[in-house]
Amino acid sequence: MKINKFFAVPAVVLAAQFSWAQVKVDPKEKLDPIVKSFVDEINNSSQLENMAYELLDGIGPRLVGTPEMLAANEWSVAKLRSWGIESNLQQFGTWKGWQRGITHVDMTYPRVKSLAATQLAWSPATKKAVEAEVIVLPKVSSKAEFDAWLPSAKGKIVLMAQYQKIGRSDEQIKEFATPELYEKLKAEKEQAGKDFRDYVKNIGYDNNTLPEALEKAGAAGIAISNWTGIMGANRIFGAKTSKIPMIDIDVEDYGMLYRMAEKGAKPKIKVEAQSKILPDAKNFNTIGMIKGKEKPEEYVILSAHLDSWDGAQGATDNGTGTLTMLETMRILKKYYPNNKRTIVLGLWGSEEQGLNGSRGFVADNPQIMKGTQAVFNQDNGTGRVINISGQGFVDSYSYIGKWLNGVPKTVRDQIKTDFPGMPGGGGSDHASFVAAGVPGFSLSSLNWGYFGYTWHTTKDTYDKIVFDEVKNNVVLTAALAYMASEDPEFTSRERRVMLQDDKGETVKWPEAKEPRRDSKEYK
């Protein structure tokens, strides 16, 4: 068969790039033989890149309630079983079923242009393409005035988000503008944001109720632009409509439409969205388990959420955490055959809607919670882990410090610790365990532009993964799990004395919450 050299050469280069990714250790450092085997395996036989391809390119985004989320659950179970690890799916609820389809958004008047746009999650489909004039929100200052205007939205596609005068990042403006110009543009941007927030407040609506009011008034569709402030990156969340399409348009095209509508050009766009509303879907956590040989009723839990928003592939939120924990389980199974305690992997569902999967696991497995030695959770991006907090547990300094001593120095030296720290209130799945009084720790990673560029955005894709950094995190997690499993003592759960807030009131330990078991009241 004839080989297309155009594609063959980059493939070779790509393979070489993967082989360069290494976790460096000091050859003079005397590592525990098992920890050294972790390092050697990740450097010589990593499966991270192949798993990333299968999960992110193959399955894609993993929005709760979609067939892709179920496919990811089944894929992860099969992957664990292929390594000889006991695994299953544990149901914790249901969610409205939906599947993204092809979406086309084009400007048809006053000229023709294809627009960069994304249908919001769970948005209703268009039975046939919707073509309508685009309008902006009226310049009014009260709810009465706005409600009097609402009938004007009938049959129109309404631009509901704030107009961005400048579509450049703050960092770029700061780099090139004079100090005086930078301060001027910064003040103007802050004032425009405040003015828009005040406007929405004055007309008596919010981000949930305004789309509902426009839909009730007969609008043909709603468009927003949830721009991150970085060129090219918009955040994609859920639609707030039940009958009409709701879309997000990139800041550049949104601004063009806004200016046209404001100046009376009466632009028209055509929206075709072929998504499908499906029956309610079962929600699952993927659970893997390597039984302990000496203390099987005590547990070390590896934690990451498998679900994502679906504007892109969910690569850094939280494909990288998922890959880290899967690879850690593979390596532990291969090189730590006599694990003292039971090692559990939890790949949670519906984290993005309120930690529902991990909260469900905590609520549904009280015996495991009683015997949990530690939970290690990784969520926030592709970067190497640089911070571990004691999460408010008084003696966390003692046992985490001891476990970190078993981690290669080159990995350990990257990490700052904070003891006893304060308990996490809900930012990621470790908080579900902390609220229940179980020692759960976030392996917090270096930013790599996460919050501005990839978190819930249209740019959270495979190519944003830095595999050298992920390999570092696998070595860290495997070593911590090994040390925690081998520790002769069970971890103390004594909580710190809580601080007082600005009002002089004692801050309370986070309350354990029941998971949302279905989507009936979700907005």
Protein backbone atom coordinates (compact mmCIF):
# COMPACT_ATOMS: atom_id res chain seq x y z
CA MET A 1 0.00 0.00 0.00
CA LYS A 2 1.34 3.44 -0.91
CA ILE A 3 2.27 5.54 2.12
CA ASN A 4 1.32 9.19 2.18
CA LYS A 5 4.58 10.77 3.31
CA PHE A 6 2.83 13.94 4.40
CA PHE A 7 1.14 12.03 7.20
CA ALA A 8 3.84 9.45 7.84
CA VAL A 9 6.57 11.90 8.84
CA PRO A 10 4.56 13.77 11.49
CA ALA A 11 3.57 10.41 12.99
CA VAL A 12 7.23 9.54 13.49
CA VAL A 13 7.90 12.95 14.98
CA LEU A 14 4.90 12.56 17.26
CA ALA A 15 6.16 9.22 18.53
CA ALA A 16 9.54 10.77 19.23
CA GLN A 17 7.92 13.60 21.15
CA PHE A 18 6.12 11.13 23.38
CA SER A 19 9.34 9.24 24.08
CA TRP A 20 11.03 12.41 25.33
CA ALA A 21 8.51 12.83 28.14
CA GLN A 22 10.31 11.63 31.27
CA VAL A 23 10.09 11.95 35.02
CA LYS A 24 13.60 12.88 36.06
CA VAL A 25 14.97 11.53 39.34
CA ASP A 26 18.34 11.95 40.97
CA PRO A 27 20.27 8.71 40.28
CA LYS A 28 21.96 9.13 43.66
CA GLU A 29 18.65 9.17 45.53
CA LYS A 30 17.87 5.88 47.26
CA LEU A 31 14.26 5.21 46.37
CA ASP A 32 12.07 2.46 47.75
CA PRO A 33 12.32 -0.33 45.10
CA ILE A 34 8.56 -0.24 44.51
CA VAL A 35 8.57 3.54 44.00
CA LYS A 36 11.51 3.18 41.63
CA SER A 37 9.50 0.64 39.65
CA PHE A 38 6.71 3.25 39.36
CA VAL A 39 9.18 5.75 37.89
CA ASP A 40 10.67 3.22 35.46
CA GLU A 41 7.24 2.09 34.26
CA ILE A 42 5.92 5.60 33.61
CA ASN A 43 9.13 6.52 31.78
CA ASN A 44 9.38 3.40 29.66
CA SER A 45 5.86 1.99 29.20
CA SER A 46 3.35 4.75 29.80
CA GLN A 47 -0.15 4.23 28.43
CA LEU A 48 -1.21 7.85 29.00
CA GLU A 49 -1.07 8.98 25.37
CA ASN A 50 -3.02 6.00 24.05
CA MET A 51 -5.65 6.35 26.75
CA ALA A 52 -5.93 10.08 26.05
CA TYR A 53 -6.53 9.33 22.39
CA GLU A 54 -9.21 6.73 23.15
CA LEU A 55 -11.01 8.88 25.71
CA LEU A 56 -10.70 12.37 24.24
CA ASP A 57 -10.52 11.86 20.48
CA GLY A 58 -12.50 8.62 20.42
CA ILE A 59 -15.31 9.22 22.91
CA GLY A 60 -15.04 12.98 23.22
CA PRO A 61 -16.80 15.21 25.75
CA ARG A 62 -18.66 13.51 28.57
CA LEU A 63 -21.70 15.57 29.50
CA VAL A 64 -23.91 13.96 32.11
CA GLY A 65 -26.98 12.33 30.55
CA THR A 66 -25.37 11.74 27.16
CA PRO A 67 -24.50 8.45 25.42
CA GLU A 68 -20.87 9.64 25.44
CA MET A 69 -20.83 9.72 29.24
CA LEU A 70 -22.07 6.13 29.36
CA ALA A 71 -19.48 5.17 26.75
CA ALA A 72 -16.75 6.69 28.95
CA ASN A 73 -18.02 4.72 31.95
CA GLU A 74 -17.97 1.49 29.98
CA TRP A 75 -14.55 2.27 28.48
CA SER A 76 -13.02 2.89 31.90
CA VAL A 77 -14.48 -0.34 33.32
CA ALA A 78 -13.11 -2.31 30.37
CA LYS A 79 -9.72 -0.65 30.74
CA LEU A 80 -9.48 -1.60 34.43
CA ARG A 81 -10.57 -5.16 33.77
CA SER A 82 -7.95 -5.49 31.04
CA TRP A 83 -5.34 -4.93 33.77
CA GLY A 84 -6.93 -7.54 36.05
CA ILE A 85 -8.58 -4.99 38.32
CA GLU A 86 -12.07 -5.63 39.67
CA SER A 87 -14.38 -2.88 38.41
CA ASN A 88 -18.04 -2.03 38.02
CA LEU A 89 -20.50 0.80 37.55
CA GLN A 90 -22.36 2.10 40.60
CA GLN A 91 -25.53 4.01 39.83
CA PHE A 92 -26.21 7.09 41.94
CA GLY A 93 -29.09 8.70 40.03
CA THR A 94 -30.51 9.70 36.65
CA TRP A 95 -30.27 12.77 34.43
CA LYS A 96 -32.09 14.24 31.46
CA GLY A 97 -30.91 12.50 28.32
CA TRP A 98 -29.48 14.53 25.47
CA GLN A 99 -27.01 14.19 22.61
CA ARG A 100 -25.25 16.93 20.71
CA GLY A 101 -25.69 16.94 16.94
CA ILE A 102 -24.47 19.01 14.01
CA THR A 103 -24.88 22.75 14.52
CA HIS A 104 -24.65 25.39 11.79
CA VAL A 105 -24.99 29.10 12.46
CA ASP A 106 -24.69 31.51 9.51
CA MET A 107 -25.34 35.20 8.99
CA THR A 108 -27.56 35.51 5.92
CA TYR A 109 -28.12 39.30 5.88
CA PRO A 110 -26.78 41.91 5.15
CA ARG A 111 -24.05 39.61 3.87
CA VAL A 112 -23.28 35.91 4.12
CA LYS A 113 -20.85 34.61 6.72
CA SER A 114 -20.52 31.35 8.65
CA LEU A 115 -20.32 32.12 12.36
CA ALA A 116 -18.21 30.49 15.07
CA ALA A 117 -20.94 29.28 17.39
CA THR A 118 -21.77 26.38 19.73
CA GLN A 119 -25.14 25.10 20.85
CA LEU A 120 -25.38 25.12 24.65
CA ALA A 121 -25.72 21.83 26.50
CA TRP A 122 -29.25 20.44 26.63
CA SER A 123 -30.48 23.14 24.25
CA PRO A 124 -33.60 22.22 22.30
CA ALA A 125 -33.02 21.32 18.66
CA THR A 126 -34.47 23.16 15.70
CA LYS A 127 -37.06 21.02 13.88
CA LYS A 128 -35.98 22.92 10.80
CA ALA A 129 -33.45 25.70 10.42
CA VAL A 130 -34.52 28.92 12.17
CA GLU A 131 -33.78 32.14 10.28
CA ALA A 132 -34.58 35.40 12.01
CA GLU A 133 -33.50 38.96 12.61
CA VAL A 134 -31.03 39.54 15.43
CA ILE A 135 -31.84 42.17 18.04
CA VAL A 136 -30.18 43.48 21.20
CA LEU A 137 -31.71 44.09 24.61
CA PRO A 138 -33.45 47.46 24.90
CA LYS A 139 -31.94 50.48 26.64
CA VAL A 140 -34.38 50.64 29.55
CA SER A 141 -33.91 51.10 33.28
CA SER A 142 -36.80 49.31 34.96
CA LYS A 143 -38.68 46.03 34.92
CA ALA A 144 -41.86 47.75 33.80
CA GLU A 145 -40.10 49.24 30.78
CA PHE A 146 -38.45 45.95 29.94
CA ASP A 147 -41.67 43.97 30.25
CA ALA A 148 -43.36 46.50 27.96
CA TRP A 149 -40.61 45.82 25.40
CA LEU A 150 -40.75 42.01 25.67
CA PRO A 151 -43.38 41.49 22.92
CA SER A 152 -40.83 43.04 20.51
CA ALA A 153 -38.72 39.89 20.93
CA LYS A 154 -41.32 37.74 19.21
CA GLY A 155 -39.85 35.97 16.18
CA LYS A 156 -36.38 37.44 16.80
CA ILE A 157 -33.06 35.99 17.94
CA VAL A 158 -32.01 38.00 20.96
CA LEU A 159 -28.40 38.82 21.84
CA MET A 160 -28.53 38.46 25.62
CA ALA A 161 -24.89 38.81 26.72
CA GLN A 162 -22.75 41.87 27.33
CA TYR A 163 -21.09 43.45 24.30
CA GLN A 164 -17.30 43.40 24.49
CA LYS A 165 -15.79 46.51 22.92
CA ILE A 166 -12.27 45.04 22.92
CA GLY A 167 -11.71 41.36 22.19
CA ARG A 168 -8.09 41.26 23.34
CA SER A 169 -6.82 39.67 26.54
CA ASP A 170 -5.83 41.85 29.46
CA GLU A 171 -2.30 40.43 29.28
CA GLN A 172 -1.91 41.51 25.65
CA ILE A 173 -3.23 45.00 26.33
CA LYS A 174 -0.85 45.34 29.26
CA GLU A 175 2.08 44.18 27.12
CA PHE A 176 1.59 46.68 24.31
CA ALA A 177 -0.33 49.68 25.66
CA THR A 178 1.26 52.61 27.41
CA PRO A 179 0.66 52.53 31.19
CA GLU A 180 -1.84 55.37 30.82
CA LEU A 181 -3.74 53.64 28.01
CA TYR A 182 -3.74 50.34 29.89
CA GLU A 183 -5.28 51.93 32.98
CA LYS A 184 -7.85 53.76 30.82
CA LEU A 185 -8.94 50.61 28.97
CA LYS A 186 -8.97 48.59 32.18
CA ALA A 187 -11.24 51.15 33.88
CA GLU A 188 -13.55 51.25 30.86
CA LYS A 189 -13.84 47.46 30.82
CA GLU A 190 -14.59 47.29 34.54
CA GLN A 191 -17.21 50.02 34.20
CA ALA A 192 -18.86 48.29 31.23
CA GLY A 193 -19.11 45.08 33.25
CA LYS A 194 -20.63 46.89 36.19
CA ASP A 195 -23.08 48.73 33.94
CA PHE A 196 -24.28 45.48 32.37
CA ARG A 197 -24.69 43.77 35.76
CA ASP A 198 -26.65 46.77 37.02
CA TYR A 199 -28.78 46.72 33.88
CA VAL A 200 -29.80 43.09 34.36
CA LYS A 201 -30.53 43.77 38.02
CA ASN A 202 -32.62 46.85 37.20
CA ILE A 203 -34.82 45.03 34.68
CA GLY A 204 -35.60 42.43 37.34
CA TYR A 205 -34.13 39.28 35.84
CA ASP A 206 -31.08 37.02 36.12
CA ASN A 207 -29.25 34.52 33.89
CA ASN A 208 -31.90 31.88 34.57
CA THR A 209 -35.08 33.93 34.41
CA LEU A 210 -34.21 36.23 31.50
CA PRO A 211 -34.01 33.41 28.91
CA GLU A 212 -37.28 32.05 30.25
CA ALA A 213 -38.94 35.45 29.83
CA LEU A 214 -37.63 35.83 26.27
CA GLU A 215 -38.79 32.34 25.38
CA LYS A 216 -42.24 33.01 26.83
CA ALA A 217 -42.41 36.23 24.81
CA GLY A 218 -41.98 34.24 21.59
CA ALA A 219 -38.30 34.78 20.78
CA ALA A 220 -37.06 32.51 17.99
CA GLY A 221 -33.76 31.89 19.78
CA ILE A 222 -31.23 33.31 22.21
CA ALA A 223 -27.54 33.96 21.63
CA ILE A 224 -24.89 34.72 24.21
CA SER A 225 -21.10 35.05 24.21
CA ASN A 226 -19.58 33.69 27.41
CA TRP A 227 -16.09 34.94 26.61
CA THR A 228 -13.23 34.08 28.97
CA GLY A 229 -11.22 37.21 28.23
CA ILE A 230 -8.70 35.20 26.17
CA MET A 231 -8.94 35.32 22.40
CA GLY A 232 -10.67 32.27 20.96
CA ALA A 233 -11.95 30.76 24.21
CA ASN A 234 -15.61 30.79 25.24
CA ARG A 235 -17.16 28.83 28.09
CA ILE A 236 -20.01 26.44 27.28
CA PHE A 237 -22.56 25.63 29.95
CA GLY A 238 -26.21 24.59 29.85
CA ALA A 239 -29.14 26.17 28.03
CA LYS A 240 -31.85 27.91 30.03
CA THR A 241 -34.60 27.37 27.47
CA SER A 242 -36.97 24.46 26.94
CA LYS A 243 -38.34 25.06 23.41
CA ILE A 244 -36.08 27.46 21.51
CA PRO A 245 -32.39 27.05 20.69
CA MET A 246 -29.78 28.78 22.84
CA ILE A 247 -26.32 29.23 21.37
CA ASP A 248 -22.96 30.74 22.27
CA ILE A 249 -21.19 32.83 19.61
CA ASP A 250 -17.47 33.64 19.70
CA VAL A 251 -16.72 37.17 20.84
CA GLU A 252 -15.65 38.37 17.39
CA ASP A 253 -18.82 37.30 15.56
CA TYR A 254 -21.04 38.25 18.49
CA GLY A 255 -19.59 41.75 18.50
CA MET A 256 -20.16 42.11 14.76
CA LEU A 257 -23.82 41.10 15.09
CA TYR A 258 -24.29 43.38 18.08
CA ARG A 259 -22.92 46.43 16.27
CA MET A 260 -25.02 45.69 13.20
CA ALA A 261 -28.21 45.31 15.22
CA GLU A 262 -27.51 48.40 17.32
CA LYS A 263 -26.90 50.53 14.22
CA GLY A 264 -30.10 49.37 12.52
CA ALA A 265 -28.64 47.04 9.87
CA LYS A 266 -31.16 44.34 10.91
CA PRO A 267 -28.81 41.37 10.53
CA LYS A 268 -30.31 37.91 10.12
CA ILE A 269 -28.83 34.60 11.16
CA LYS A 270 -29.83 31.04 10.37
CA VAL A 271 -29.53 28.43 13.11
CA GLU A 272 -29.68 24.69 12.51
CA ALA A 273 -29.19 22.53 15.59
CA GLN A 274 -29.67 18.76 15.26
CA SER A 275 -29.31 17.73 18.89
CA LYS A 276 -31.55 15.02 20.32
CA ILE A 277 -33.55 14.92 23.52
CA LEU A 278 -33.35 11.36 24.82
CA PRO A 279 -35.03 9.45 27.69
CA ASP A 280 -33.61 10.01 31.15
CA ALA A 281 -30.21 8.34 31.47
CA LYS A 282 -28.79 6.45 34.43
CA ASN A 283 -25.87 8.17 36.19
CA PHE A 284 -22.89 6.02 37.16
CA ASN A 285 -19.57 6.19 38.93
CA THR A 286 -16.83 3.91 37.65
CA ILE A 287 -15.39 2.03 40.64
CA GLY A 288 -12.17 0.01 40.50
CA MET A 289 -10.86 -2.00 43.44
CA ILE A 290 -7.65 -3.84 44.33
CA LYS A 291 -8.40 -5.79 47.52
CA GLY A 292 -6.06 -5.31 50.44
CA LYS A 293 -4.09 -8.34 51.57
CA GLU A 294 -3.69 -7.40 55.24
CA LYS A 295 -6.33 -4.74 55.98
CA PRO A 296 -9.01 -5.18 53.30
CA GLU A 297 -11.57 -3.15 55.30
CA GLU A 298 -9.36 -0.06 55.17
CA TYR A 299 -9.15 1.96 51.97
CA VAL A 300 -6.98 4.34 49.99
CA ILE A 301 -9.14 6.11 47.41
CA LEU A 302 -7.91 7.59 44.11
CA SER A 303 -10.39 10.21 42.95
CA ALA A 304 -11.14 12.11 39.71
CA HIS A 305 -14.30 13.11 37.90
CA LEU A 306 -14.93 11.50 34.53
CA ASP A 307 -17.67 13.83 33.31
CA SER A 308 -17.13 17.18 31.58
CA TRP A 309 -18.91 20.03 29.91
CA ASP A 310 -19.07 19.51 26.18
CA GLY A 311 -17.86 22.63 24.40
CA ALA A 312 -14.66 20.69 23.61
CA GLN A 313 -13.17 17.36 24.79
CA GLY A 314 -12.85 17.94 28.53
CA ALA A 315 -9.10 17.31 28.28
CA THR A 316 -7.84 19.25 31.30
CA ASP A 317 -11.19 19.19 33.09
CA ASN A 318 -10.93 16.44 33.87
CA GLY A 319 -9.42 14.11 31.32
CA THR A 320 -5.97 14.61 32.84
CA GLY A 321 -7.17 13.72 36.34
CA THR A 322 -8.94 10.65 34.97
CA LEU A 323 -5.83 9.55 33.06
CA THR A 324 -3.63 10.12 36.10
CA MET A 325 -5.77 7.90 38.30
CA LEU A 326 -6.21 5.16 35.69
CA GLU A 327 -2.47 5.00 35.02
CA THR A 328 -1.81 5.00 38.76
CA MET A 329 -4.12 2.01 39.22
CA ARG A 330 -2.42 0.14 36.38
CA ILE A 331 1.01 0.70 37.89
CA LEU A 332 -0.07 -0.17 41.43
CA LYS A 333 -1.64 -3.41 40.21
CA LYS A 334 1.55 -4.33 38.32
CA TYR A 335 4.22 -3.38 40.87
CA TYR A 336 2.51 -3.44 44.26
CA PRO A 337 0.96 -6.92 44.40
CA ASN A 338 0.81 -7.18 48.19
CA ASN A 339 -1.05 -3.97 48.93
CA LYS A 340 -1.81 -3.82 52.63
CA ARG A 341 -5.03 -1.80 52.32
CA THR A 342 -7.70 -1.93 49.62
CA ILE A 343 -7.06 0.60 46.87
CA VAL A 344 -10.19 2.08 45.32
CA LEU A 345 -10.51 4.13 42.15
CA GLY A 346 -13.51 6.43 41.88
CA LEU A 347 -14.19 8.10 38.54
CA TRP A 348 -17.16 10.25 39.41
CA GLY A 349 -20.09 11.33 37.29
CA SER A 350 -21.91 14.68 37.37
CA GLU A 351 -19.20 16.55 39.24
CA GLU A 352 -19.94 19.58 37.10
CA GLN A 353 -23.50 19.79 38.40
CA GLY A 354 -22.50 19.79 42.07
CA LEU A 355 -20.17 16.90 43.00
CA ASN A 356 -23.10 14.53 42.59
CA GLY A 357 -21.14 11.36 41.86
CA SER A 358 -18.71 11.64 44.77
CA ARG A 359 -21.46 12.78 47.12
CA GLY A 360 -23.47 9.76 46.02
CA PHE A 361 -20.53 7.45 46.73
CA VAL A 362 -20.03 8.94 50.19
CA ALA A 363 -23.73 8.59 51.01
CA ASP A 364 -24.08 5.08 49.57
CA ASN A 365 -20.91 3.51 51.02
CA PRO A 366 -20.80 4.27 54.77
CA GLN A 367 -18.61 1.27 55.56
CA ILE A 368 -15.97 2.37 53.09
CA MET A 369 -16.11 5.90 54.53
CA LYS A 370 -15.56 4.47 58.00
CA GLY A 371 -12.43 2.66 56.88
CA THR A 372 -10.92 5.25 54.51
CA GLN A 373 -7.28 6.00 55.22
CA ALA A 374 -7.03 8.85 52.69
CA VAL A 375 -8.51 10.18 49.45
CA PHE A 376 -6.27 11.69 46.77
CA ASN A 377 -8.17 13.80 44.24
CA GLN A 378 -6.84 15.42 41.08
CA ASP A 379 -8.92 17.79 39.00
CA ASN A 380 -7.53 21.16 37.99
CA GLY A 381 -5.63 20.77 34.76
CA THR A 382 -2.58 19.28 33.11
CA GLY A 383 0.12 20.88 35.29
CA ARG A 384 2.40 19.17 37.79
CA VAL A 385 1.07 19.08 41.35
CA ILE A 386 2.44 22.03 43.32
CA ASN A 387 0.20 22.26 46.38
CA ILE A 388 -1.32 19.92 48.96
CA SER A 389 -3.42 21.28 51.81
CA GLY A 390 -4.19 19.43 55.02
CA GLN A 391 -7.90 20.28 54.54
CA GLY A 392 -8.32 21.18 58.21
CA PHE A 393 -7.23 17.85 59.71
CA VAL A 394 -5.01 18.56 62.71
CA ASP A 395 -2.58 15.67 62.23
CA SER A 396 -2.37 15.85 58.45
CA TYR A 397 1.12 17.34 58.73
CA SER A 398 2.36 14.15 60.36
CA TYR A 399 1.03 11.57 57.95
CA ILE A 400 1.17 13.50 54.66
CA GLY A 401 4.68 14.65 55.50
CA LYS A 402 5.66 11.03 56.15
CA TRP A 403 4.10 9.84 52.89
CA LEU A 404 5.75 12.60 50.88
CA ASN A 405 9.12 11.38 52.10
CA GLY A 406 8.57 8.31 49.94
CA VAL A 407 8.07 10.42 46.81
CA PRO A 408 11.10 11.10 44.55
CA LYS A 409 12.76 14.33 45.62
CA THR A 410 12.48 15.92 42.17
CA VAL A 411 8.70 15.49 42.38
CA ARG A 412 8.37 16.28 46.08
CA ASP A 413 10.37 19.51 45.86
CA GLN A 414 7.80 21.02 43.48
CA ILE A 415 5.10 20.86 46.17
CA LYS A 416 4.17 23.44 48.77
CA THR A 417 2.11 22.20 51.69
CA ASP A 418 -0.35 24.00 53.96
CA PHE A 419 -1.12 22.41 57.34
CA PRO A 420 -3.60 22.02 58.79
CA GLY A 421 -5.19 24.18 56.12
CA MET A 422 -8.91 24.79 55.81
CA PRO A 423 -11.52 22.27 54.67
CA GLY A 424 -12.56 22.47 51.03
CA GLY A 425 -16.12 23.61 50.63
CA GLY A 426 -17.09 22.25 47.21
CA GLY A 427 -14.64 23.12 44.45
CA SER A 428 -13.92 19.50 43.59
CA ASP A 429 -14.65 15.96 44.71
CA HIS A 430 -12.27 15.81 47.68
CA ALA A 431 -14.73 18.20 49.36
CA SER A 432 -17.42 15.49 49.40
CA PHE A 433 -15.19 13.37 51.62
CA VAL A 434 -13.90 16.25 53.77
CA ALA A 435 -17.48 17.30 54.56
CA ALA A 436 -18.10 13.77 55.86
CA GLY A 437 -14.99 13.99 58.06
CA VAL A 438 -12.93 11.71 55.81
CA PRO A 439 -9.34 12.81 55.06
CA GLY A 440 -9.60 13.90 51.43
CA PHE A 441 -6.79 15.82 49.77
CA SER A 442 -6.62 17.81 46.56
CA LEU A 443 -3.48 17.31 44.49
CA SER A 444 -3.56 20.85 43.16
CA SER A 445 -1.65 21.48 39.97
CA LEU A 446 0.22 24.29 38.25
CA ASN A 447 -2.14 26.53 36.29
CA TRP A 448 -0.91 26.27 32.68
CA GLY A 449 -3.64 28.78 31.74
CA TYR A 450 -6.35 26.49 33.11
CA PHE A 451 -8.86 28.95 34.50
CA GLY A 452 -8.59 31.44 31.66
CA TYR A 453 -8.06 29.19 28.69
CA THR A 454 -9.30 25.60 29.11
CA TRP A 455 -11.68 25.43 32.09
CA HIS A 456 -15.11 24.62 30.58
CA THR A 457 -14.13 26.21 27.26
CA THR A 458 -14.18 25.44 23.57
CA LYS A 459 -10.38 24.99 23.74
CA ASP A 460 -10.15 22.18 26.31
CA THR A 461 -8.70 19.66 23.87
CA TYR A 462 -6.08 16.87 23.68
CA ASP A 463 -3.35 19.20 22.43
CA LYS A 464 -3.44 21.17 25.71
CA ILE A 465 -2.14 18.17 27.67
CA VAL A 466 1.51 18.31 28.73
CA PHE A 467 2.27 14.63 29.21
CA ASP A 468 5.56 15.25 31.04
CA GLU A 469 3.54 16.96 33.77
CA VAL A 470 0.88 14.22 33.88
CA LYS A 471 3.60 11.57 34.25
CA ASN A 472 4.98 13.53 37.20
CA ASN A 473 1.52 13.36 38.81
CA VAL A 474 1.22 9.62 38.24
CA VAL A 475 4.50 9.01 40.06
CA LEU A 476 3.36 11.29 42.90
CA THR A 477 -0.06 9.67 43.23
CA ALA A 478 1.25 6.11 43.02
CA ALA A 479 3.90 6.80 45.65
CA LEU A 480 1.40 8.51 47.99
CA ALA A 481 -1.10 5.64 47.58
CA TYR A 482 1.64 3.10 48.27
CA MET A 483 2.88 4.95 51.36
CA ALA A 484 -0.65 5.48 52.70
CA SER A 485 -1.46 1.82 52.16
CA GLU A 486 1.70 0.66 53.94
CA ASP A 487 1.40 3.06 56.88
CA PRO A 488 1.07 0.98 60.08
CA GLU A 489 -1.24 3.60 61.60
CA PHE A 490 -4.76 4.62 60.63
CA THR A 491 -5.05 8.34 59.94
CA SER A 492 -6.39 10.68 62.58
CA ARG A 493 -9.60 12.52 61.73
CA GLU A 494 -9.30 15.18 64.39
CA ARG A 495 -10.46 18.54 63.01
CA ARG A 496 -8.82 21.86 63.57
CA VAL A 497 -10.28 24.67 65.64
CA MET A 498 -12.04 26.75 63.02
CA LEU A 499 -11.20 30.40 62.44
CA GLN A 500 -13.47 33.40 62.77
CA ASP A 501 -14.68 35.32 59.74
CA ASP A 502 -14.71 39.08 59.24
CA LYS A 503 -17.88 39.35 61.33
CA GLY A 504 -16.29 37.56 64.28
CA GLU A 505 -18.34 34.40 63.75
CA THR A 506 -16.71 30.98 63.81
CA VAL A 507 -16.51 29.42 60.35
CA LYS A 508 -18.32 26.09 60.27
CA TRP A 509 -16.93 22.84 58.92
CA PRO A 510 -18.57 22.15 55.53
CA GLU A 511 -21.83 20.27 55.76
CA ALA A 512 -22.14 16.87 54.12
CA LYS A 513 -24.74 17.22 51.37
CA GLU A 514 -26.92 14.71 49.61
CA PRO A 515 -26.24 14.40 45.89
CA ARG A 516 -28.67 15.62 43.29
CA ARG A 517 -30.14 12.28 42.22
CA ASP A 518 -31.98 13.63 39.15
CA SER A 519 -32.23 16.76 37.01
CA LYS A 520 -35.80 17.76 37.79
CA GLU A 521 -34.95 20.94 39.73
CA TYR A 522 -31.62 21.62 38.03
CA LYS A 523 -31.06 25.01 36.40
